[in-house]
C-alpha atoms as a PDB file:
ATOM      1  CA  UNK A   1      -2.618 -19.430  10.244  1.00  0.00           C
ATOM      2  CA  UNK A   2      -1.721 -18.373  13.796  1.00  0.00           C
ATOM      3  CA  UNK A   3       1.597 -17.047  12.543  1.00  0.00           C
ATOM      4  CA  UNK A   4      -0.193 -14.830   9.992  1.00  0.00           C
ATOM      5  CA  UNK A   5      -2.546 -13.572  12.703  1.00  0.00           C
ATOM      6  CA  UNK A   6       0.405 -12.767  14.972  1.00  0.00           C
ATOM      7  CA  UNK A   7       2.073 -10.830  12.151  1.00  0.00           C
ATOM      8  CA  UNK A   8      -1.150  -8.940  11.450  1.00  0.00           C
ATOM      9  CA  UNK A   9      -1.526  -7.887  15.071  1.00  0.00           C
ATOM     10  CA  UNK A  10       2.098  -6.759  15.173  1.00  0.00           C
ATOM     11  CA  UNK A  11       1.564  -4.835  11.935  1.00  0.00           C
ATOM     12  CA  UNK A  12      -1.551  -3.077  13.255  1.00  0.00           C
ATOM     13  CA  UNK A  13      -0.086  -1.994  16.583  1.00  0.00           C
ATOM     14  CA  UNK A  14       3.463  -1.360  15.441  1.00  0.00           C
ATOM     15  CA  UNK A  15       4.332   2.267  14.584  1.00  0.00           C
ATOM     16  CA  UNK A  16       6.631   0.921  11.868  1.00  0.00           C
ATOM     17  CA  UNK A  17       3.868  -1.094  10.228  1.00  0.00           C
ATOM     18  CA  UNK A  18       4.329  -1.640   6.496  1.00  0.00           C
ATOM     19  CA  UNK A  19       2.430   0.695   4.176  1.00  0.00           C
ATOM     20  CA  UNK A  20       0.147  -2.053   2.863  1.00  0.00           C
ATOM     21  CA  UNK A  21      -1.141  -2.736   6.387  1.00  0.00           C
ATOM     22  CA  UNK A  22      -1.387   0.743   7.862  1.00  0.00           C
ATOM     23  CA  UNK A  23      -2.820   3.764   6.120  1.00  0.00           C
ATOM     24  CA  UNK A  24      -2.524   6.001   9.157  1.00  0.00           C
ATOM     25  CA  UNK A  25      -0.203   5.929  12.133  1.00  0.00           C
ATOM     26  CA  UNK A  26      -2.581   4.049  14.399  1.00  0.00           C
ATOM     27  CA  UNK A  27      -4.135   1.550  12.003  1.00  0.00           C
ATOM     28  CA  UNK A  28      -7.590   3.033  12.662  1.00  0.00           C
ATOM     29  CA  UNK A  29      -8.648   3.037   9.039  1.00  0.00           C
ATOM     30  CA  UNK A  30      -7.568  -0.560   8.609  1.00  0.00           C
ATOM     31  CA  UNK A  31      -9.328  -1.657  11.805  1.00  0.00           C
ATOM     32  CA  UNK A  32     -12.541   0.217  10.951  1.00  0.00           C
ATOM     33  CA  UNK A  33     -12.573  -1.084   7.392  1.00  0.00           C
ATOM     34  CA  UNK A  34     -12.074  -4.650   8.641  1.00  0.00           C
ATOM     35  CA  UNK A  35     -15.157  -4.189  10.832  1.00  0.00           C
ATOM     36  CA  UNK A  36     -17.065  -2.887   7.822  1.00  0.00           C
ATOM     37  CA  UNK A  37     -15.963  -5.891   5.737  1.00  0.00           C
ATOM     38  CA  UNK A  38     -17.200  -8.158   8.513  1.00  0.00           C
ATOM     39  CA  UNK A  39     -20.608  -6.454   8.523  1.00  0.00           C
ATOM     40  CA  UNK A  40     -21.183  -6.741   4.775  1.00  0.00           C
ATOM     41  CA  UNK A  41     -19.961 -10.354   4.708  1.00  0.00           C
ATOM     42  CA  UNK A  42     -22.288 -11.658   7.423  1.00  0.00           C
ATOM     43  CA  UNK A  43     -25.141 -12.647   5.148  1.00  0.00           C
ATOM     44  CA  UNK A  44     -22.949 -14.314   2.550  1.00  0.00           C
ATOM     45  CA  UNK A  45     -21.131 -12.709  -0.319  1.00  0.00           C
ATOM     46  CA  UNK A  46     -21.382  -8.900  -0.206  1.00  0.00           C
ATOM     47  CA  UNK A  47     -23.813  -7.521  -2.779  1.00  0.00           C
ATOM     48  CA  UNK A  48     -22.819  -4.930  -5.370  1.00  0.00           C
ATOM     49  CA  UNK A  49     -24.813  -2.340  -3.423  1.00  0.00           C
ATOM     50  CA  UNK A  50     -22.913  -3.121  -0.218  1.00  0.00           C
ATOM     51  CA  UNK A  51     -19.563  -2.986  -2.001  1.00  0.00           C
ATOM     52  CA  UNK A  52     -20.438   0.368  -3.589  1.00  0.00           C
ATOM     53  CA  UNK A  53     -21.549   1.714  -0.217  1.00  0.00           C
ATOM     54  CA  UNK A  54     -18.320   0.500   1.388  1.00  0.00           C
ATOM     55  CA  UNK A  55     -16.226   2.270  -1.250  1.00  0.00           C
ATOM     56  CA  UNK A  56     -18.328   5.431  -0.904  1.00  0.00           C
ATOM     57  CA  UNK A  57     -17.899   5.491   2.889  1.00  0.00           C
ATOM     58  CA  UNK A  58     -14.162   4.797   2.764  1.00  0.00           C
ATOM     59  CA  UNK A  59     -13.531   7.437   0.124  1.00  0.00           C
ATOM     60  CA  UNK A  60     -15.749  10.190   1.561  1.00  0.00           C
ATOM     61  CA  UNK A  61     -15.423   9.662   5.314  1.00  0.00           C
ATOM     62  CA  UNK A  62     -11.730   8.745   5.306  1.00  0.00           C
ATOM     63  CA  UNK A  63     -10.860  11.217   2.562  1.00  0.00           C
ATOM     64  CA  UNK A  64      -9.158   8.650   0.339  1.00  0.00           C
ATOM     65  CA  UNK A  65      -8.830   8.500  -3.418  1.00  0.00           C
ATOM     66  CA  UNK A  66     -10.290   5.384  -5.099  1.00  0.00           C
ATOM     67  CA  UNK A  67      -6.898   3.681  -5.504  1.00  0.00           C
ATOM     68  CA  UNK A  68      -5.950   4.098  -1.862  1.00  0.00           C
ATOM     69  CA  UNK A  69      -9.446   3.036  -0.811  1.00  0.00           C
ATOM     70  CA  UNK A  70      -9.069  -0.152  -2.886  1.00  0.00           C
ATOM     71  CA  UNK A  71      -5.736  -0.946  -1.224  1.00  0.00           C
ATOM     72  CA  UNK A  72      -7.244  -0.352   2.208  1.00  0.00           C
ATOM     73  CA  UNK A  73     -10.224  -2.566   1.437  1.00  0.00           C
ATOM     74  CA  UNK A  74      -7.941  -5.326   0.135  1.00  0.00           C
ATOM     75  CA  UNK A  75      -5.780  -5.199   3.272  1.00  0.00           C
ATOM     76  CA  UNK A  76      -8.844  -5.047   5.516  1.00  0.00           C
ATOM     77  CA  UNK A  77     -10.401  -8.025   3.744  1.00  0.00           C
ATOM     78  CA  UNK A  78      -7.269 -10.062   4.453  1.00  0.00           C
ATOM     79  CA  UNK A  79      -7.180  -8.878   8.061  1.00  0.00           C
ATOM     80  CA  UNK A  80     -10.860  -9.666   8.586  1.00  0.00           C
ATOM     81  CA  UNK A  81     -10.366 -13.122   7.118  1.00  0.00           C
ATOM     82  CA  UNK A  82      -7.597 -13.816   9.634  1.00  0.00           C
ATOM     83  CA  UNK A  83      -9.463 -12.346  12.603  1.00  0.00           C
ATOM     84  CA  UNK A  84     -10.732 -14.479  15.440  1.00  0.00           C
ATOM     85  CA  UNK A  85     -12.945 -11.792  16.968  1.00  0.00           C
ATOM     86  CA  UNK A  86     -13.942  -8.137  16.798  1.00  0.00           C
ATOM     87  CA  UNK A  87     -11.762  -7.118  19.734  1.00  0.00           C
ATOM     88  CA  UNK A  88      -8.538  -6.909  17.771  1.00  0.00           C
ATOM     89  CA  UNK A  89     -10.116  -4.188  15.621  1.00  0.00           C
ATOM     90  CA  UNK A  90     -12.177  -2.408  18.254  1.00  0.00           C
ATOM     91  CA  UNK A  91      -9.219  -2.238  20.642  1.00  0.00           C
ATOM     92  CA  UNK A  92      -7.218  -0.292  18.040  1.00  0.00           C
ATOM     93  CA  UNK A  93     -10.152   2.089  17.615  1.00  0.00           C
ATOM     94  CA  UNK A  94     -10.628   2.478  21.388  1.00  0.00           C
ATOM     95  CA  UNK A  95      -6.981   3.443  21.876  1.00  0.00           C
ATOM     96  CA  UNK A  96      -6.998   5.943  19.054  1.00  0.00           C
ATOM     97  CA  UNK A  97     -10.413   7.555  18.638  1.00  0.00           C
ATOM     98  CA  UNK A  98     -12.464   9.914  20.749  1.00  0.00           C
ATOM     99  CA  UNK A  99     -16.137   9.353  21.573  1.00  0.00           C
ATOM    100  CA  UNK A 100     -17.409  11.279  18.561  1.00  0.00           C
ATOM    101  CA  UNK A 101     -15.214   9.349  16.116  1.00  0.00           C
ATOM    102  CA  UNK A 102     -16.283   6.003  17.607  1.00  0.00           C
ATOM    103  CA  UNK A 103     -19.914   7.075  17.173  1.00  0.00           C
ATOM    104  CA  UNK A 104     -19.150   7.769  13.509  1.00  0.00           C
ATOM    105  CA  UNK A 105     -17.720   4.262  13.097  1.00  0.00           C
ATOM    106  CA  UNK A 106     -20.926   2.740  14.493  1.00  0.00           C
ATOM    107  CA  UNK A 107     -23.002   5.016  12.271  1.00  0.00           C
ATOM    108  CA  UNK A 108     -21.022   3.833   9.246  1.00  0.00           C
ATOM    109  CA  UNK A 109     -21.657   0.230  10.283  1.00  0.00           C
ATOM    110  CA  UNK A 110     -25.403   0.941  10.338  1.00  0.00           C
ATOM    111  CA  UNK A 111     -25.154   2.545   6.899  1.00  0.00           C
ATOM    112  CA  UNK A 112     -23.622  -0.672   5.595  1.00  0.00           C
ATOM    113  CA  UNK A 113     -26.269  -2.789   7.322  1.00  0.00           C
ATOM    114  CA  UNK A 114     -29.038  -0.792   5.629  1.00  0.00           C
ATOM    115  CA  UNK A 115     -27.270  -0.605   2.252  1.00  0.00           C
ATOM    116  CA  UNK A 116     -28.817  -3.762   0.786  1.00  0.00           C
ATOM    117  CA  UNK A 117     -32.330  -3.076   2.034  1.00  0.00           C
ATOM    118  CA  UNK A 118     -32.292  -5.982   4.490  1.00  0.00           C
ATOM    119  CA  UNK A 119     -31.383  -5.920   8.173  1.00  0.00           C
ATOM    120  CA  UNK A 120     -30.578  -9.350   9.530  1.00  0.00           C
ATOM    121  CA  UNK A 121     -30.371 -10.319  13.171  1.00  0.00           C
ATOM    122  CA  UNK A 122     -26.724 -11.266  12.582  1.00  0.00           C
ATOM    123  CA  UNK A 123     -25.910  -7.781  11.323  1.00  0.00           C
ATOM    124  CA  UNK A 124     -27.713  -6.183  14.254  1.00  0.00           C
ATOM    125  CA  UNK A 125     -25.866  -8.451  16.666  1.00  0.00           C
ATOM    126  CA  UNK A 126     -22.456  -7.588  15.236  1.00  0.00           C
ATOM    127  CA  UNK A 127     -23.156  -3.858  15.387  1.00  0.00           C
ATOM    128  CA  UNK A 128     -24.363  -4.291  18.967  1.00  0.00           C
ATOM    129  CA  UNK A 129     -21.194  -6.207  19.956  1.00  0.00           C
ATOM    130  CA  UNK A 130     -18.868  -3.781  18.164  1.00  0.00           C
ATOM    131  CA  UNK A 131     -20.650  -0.771  19.680  1.00  0.00           C
ATOM    132  CA  UNK A 132     -20.337  -2.332  23.114  1.00  0.00           C
ATOM    133  CA  UNK A 133     -16.599  -2.910  22.586  1.00  0.00           C
ATOM    134  CA  UNK A 134     -16.302   0.706  21.412  1.00  0.00           C
ATOM    135  CA  UNK A 135     -17.970   1.931  24.637  1.00  0.00           C
ATOM    136  CA  UNK A 136     -21.016   3.231  22.772  1.00  0.00           C
ATOM    137  CA  UNK A 137     -24.107   3.185  24.948  1.00  0.00           C
ATOM    138  CA  UNK A 138     -27.167   1.180  23.965  1.00  0.00           C
ATOM    139  CA  UNK A 139     -29.091   4.422  23.749  1.00  0.00           C
ATOM    140  CA  UNK A 140     -26.599   5.952  21.284  1.00  0.00           C
ATOM    141  CA  UNK A 141     -26.416   2.727  19.253  1.00  0.00           C
ATOM    142  CA  UNK A 142     -30.199   2.572  18.927  1.00  0.00           C
ATOM    143  CA  UNK A 143     -30.431   6.287  18.150  1.00  0.00           C
ATOM    144  CA  UNK A 144     -27.863   5.854  15.362  1.00  0.00           C
ATOM    145  CA  UNK A 145     -29.788   2.855  14.041  1.00  0.00           C
ATOM    146  CA  UNK A 146     -33.019   4.850  13.917  1.00  0.00           C
ATOM    147  CA  UNK A 147     -31.332   7.853  12.311  1.00  0.00           C
ATOM    148  CA  UNK A 148     -29.681   5.776   9.584  1.00  0.00           C
ATOM    149  CA  UNK A 149     -32.788   3.606   9.160  1.00  0.00           C
ATOM    150  CA  UNK A 150     -35.017   6.627   8.672  1.00  0.00           C
ATOM    151  CA  UNK A 151     -32.773   7.788   5.815  1.00  0.00           C
ATOM    152  CA  UNK A 152     -32.925   4.339   4.260  1.00  0.00           C
ATOM    153  CA  UNK A 153     -35.806   2.774   2.411  1.00  0.00           C
ATOM    154  CA  UNK A 154     -35.071  -0.549   4.121  1.00  0.00           C
ATOM    155  CA  UNK A 155     -37.908  -1.880   6.212  1.00  0.00           C
ATOM    156  CA  UNK A 156     -36.767  -2.890   9.676  1.00  0.00           C
ATOM    157  CA  UNK A 157     -39.185  -5.034  11.666  1.00  0.00           C
ATOM    158  CA  UNK A 158     -37.224  -4.421  14.892  1.00  0.00           C
ATOM    159  CA  UNK A 159     -37.973  -0.670  14.947  1.00  0.00           C
END
């Protein structure tokens, strides 16, 4: 298990990472997608709605065709399953993305949280921790939550 994790980390940060592990030079898409997988898996098995939303976000926001999006999601699912914490993904994103792009990642996480119509405290906590690791202020994180929540029909008792 630790050997697989070591190989994953090397694959993500290595510029010569194999194609199945890195879909861009920095591994950003893989790291972001692994975070997304983590979010939709928190409350058990991801629902069909969450899976559809994940595919929609990956295809539209990352500009990928469905086949490439499927490969990315498969790789990210494996990476997320081997992960011990969020830092290994957020650190890749911190090194590679500007403030605006990191805000978009957090916004996408909120979109996944609201996708199934339920917002759990576990989902909120993970978005909070990831946003913190991505140097997103509490104010921006909450503003993104409200913006995404207002577009969603999901009731959120914490608002």
